[in-house]
Amino acid sequence: MFKKTLVCATLVLSAGVAMAQGSARIDERQARQDARIDQGVASGQLTQREAARMEAGQARVQGMENRALSDGTVTRRERARIEHAQDVQSARIHRQKHDRQHDVNHNGRVDRRRGN
């Protein structure tokens, strides 16, 4: 009886740790993507409008995470949906940072476009 209770308690604890690690992984990736947006603004690779759109997308992903955590656990399916949304956001950040629009003097207007 004691062994069965111990095994059940261990499984419950390990499941809780796995859920917490999944949420931590999501949070770390969110922080890295926020840093990429900030770096893009600082270097002029992102205009203010592009950065605002990227920040709104990050907020949507954060909302997904908050809803998933509202019941105390993030299921495998919820985590997969959040990670897919982060993948989409990451691709958008990359595309906007490399679209040859620059705001070097940070006045909110595109300064130059290279090539065509």
Protein backbone atom coordinates (compact mmCIF):
# COMPACT_ATOMS: atom_id res chain seq x y z
CA MET A 1 0.00 0.00 0.00
CA PHE A 2 2.79 2.42 0.93
CA LYS A 3 4.66 1.72 -2.33
CA LYS A 4 1.53 2.39 -4.39
CA THR A 5 0.93 5.70 -2.60
CA LEU A 6 4.58 6.68 -3.02
CA VAL A 7 4.48 5.89 -6.76
CA CYS A 8 1.28 7.92 -7.21
CA ALA A 9 2.75 10.88 -5.31
CA THR A 10 5.91 10.70 -7.40
CA LEU A 11 3.93 10.68 -10.63
CA VAL A 12 1.85 13.66 -9.55
CA LEU A 13 4.95 15.63 -8.57
CA SER A 14 6.81 14.80 -11.77
CA ALA A 15 3.78 15.82 -13.85
CA GLY A 16 3.66 19.15 -12.00
CA VAL A 17 7.37 19.72 -12.59
CA ALA A 18 6.96 18.90 -16.29
CA MET A 19 4.12 21.42 -16.60
CA ALA A 20 6.17 24.07 -14.82
CA GLN A 21 9.14 23.40 -17.08
CA GLY A 22 6.90 23.67 -20.15
CA SER A 23 5.65 27.04 -19.00
CA ALA A 24 9.20 28.18 -18.20
CA ARG A 25 10.31 27.16 -21.69
CA ILE A 26 7.46 29.20 -23.17
CA ASP A 27 8.36 32.20 -21.01
CA GLU A 28 12.05 32.02 -21.96
CA ARG A 29 11.20 31.94 -25.64
CA GLN A 30 8.82 34.89 -25.22
CA ALA A 31 11.64 36.83 -23.55
CA ARG A 32 14.07 36.00 -26.38
CA GLN A 33 11.56 37.11 -29.01
CA ASP A 34 10.88 40.34 -27.11
CA ALA A 35 14.64 40.96 -27.05
CA ARG A 36 14.81 40.38 -30.82
CA ILE A 37 12.09 42.99 -31.33
CA ASP A 38 13.87 45.47 -29.04
CA GLN A 39 17.16 44.88 -30.86
CA GLY A 40 15.43 45.43 -34.21
CA VAL A 41 14.04 48.77 -33.06
CA ALA A 42 17.40 49.83 -31.61
CA SER A 43 19.26 49.01 -34.82
CA GLY A 44 16.61 50.52 -37.09
CA GLN A 45 15.75 47.17 -38.71
CA LEU A 46 12.17 47.53 -37.46
CA THR A 47 10.06 50.64 -37.83
CA GLN A 48 7.85 51.71 -34.94
CA ARG A 49 4.76 50.42 -36.74
CA GLU A 50 6.36 47.03 -37.39
CA ALA A 51 7.50 46.81 -33.77
CA ALA A 52 4.00 47.64 -32.53
CA ARG A 53 2.56 44.82 -34.66
CA MET A 54 5.20 42.40 -33.38
CA GLU A 55 4.48 43.40 -29.76
CA ALA A 56 0.75 42.86 -30.33
CA GLY A 57 1.51 39.38 -31.66
CA GLN A 58 3.63 38.65 -28.59
CA ALA A 59 0.75 39.81 -26.40
CA ARG A 60 -1.61 37.39 -28.18
CA VAL A 61 0.78 34.50 -27.52
CA GLN A 62 1.06 35.58 -23.87
CA GLY A 63 -2.74 35.60 -23.65
CA MET A 64 -2.81 32.05 -24.99
CA GLU A 65 -0.37 31.02 -22.28
CA ASN A 66 -2.36 32.79 -19.56
CA ARG A 67 -5.57 31.05 -20.65
CA ALA A 68 -3.76 27.70 -20.72
CA LEU A 69 -2.44 28.28 -17.19
CA SER A 70 -5.79 29.46 -15.83
CA ASP A 71 -6.75 25.94 -14.73
CA GLY A 72 -3.32 25.29 -13.23
CA THR A 73 -1.92 22.99 -15.92
CA VAL A 74 -0.77 23.36 -19.49
CA THR A 75 -1.78 20.28 -21.44
CA ARG A 76 0.34 18.82 -24.20
CA ARG A 77 -2.13 20.10 -26.80
CA GLU A 78 -2.16 23.62 -25.31
CA ARG A 79 1.63 23.68 -25.23
CA ALA A 80 1.77 22.57 -28.87
CA ARG A 81 -0.64 25.35 -29.90
CA ILE A 82 1.38 27.95 -27.98
CA GLU A 83 4.66 26.75 -29.48
CA HIS A 84 3.14 26.85 -32.97
CA ALA A 85 2.00 30.43 -32.35
CA GLN A 86 5.53 31.25 -31.19
CA ASP A 87 6.93 29.70 -34.38
CA VAL A 88 4.64 31.91 -36.46
CA GLN A 89 5.64 34.97 -34.43
CA SER A 90 9.33 34.14 -34.80
CA ALA A 91 8.96 33.91 -38.59
CA ARG A 92 7.14 37.26 -38.66
CA ILE A 93 9.89 38.90 -36.61
CA HIS A 94 12.54 37.53 -38.96
CA ARG A 95 10.63 38.61 -42.06
CA GLN A 96 10.11 42.16 -40.76
CA LYS A 97 13.71 42.53 -39.61
CA HIS A 98 15.00 41.53 -43.04
CA ASP A 99 12.52 43.33 -45.32
CA ARG A 100 14.97 46.13 -46.21
CA GLN A 101 12.92 48.83 -44.53
CA HIS A 102 14.99 50.89 -42.14
CA ASP A 103 14.24 53.57 -39.57
CA VAL A 104 17.77 54.60 -38.74
CA ASN A 105 16.93 57.93 -37.09
CA HIS A 106 13.93 56.42 -35.21
CA ASN A 107 11.42 59.05 -36.35
CA GLY A 108 8.78 56.49 -37.35
CA ARG A 109 9.32 56.88 -41.08
CA VAL A 110 11.13 54.53 -43.44
CA ASP A 111 14.48 56.16 -44.24
CA ARG A 112 15.65 54.15 -47.20
CA ARG A 113 14.88 51.11 -49.23
CA ARG A 114 17.71 49.18 -50.78
CA GLY A 115 17.41 47.63 -54.23
CA ASN A 116 14.26 46.39 -55.84
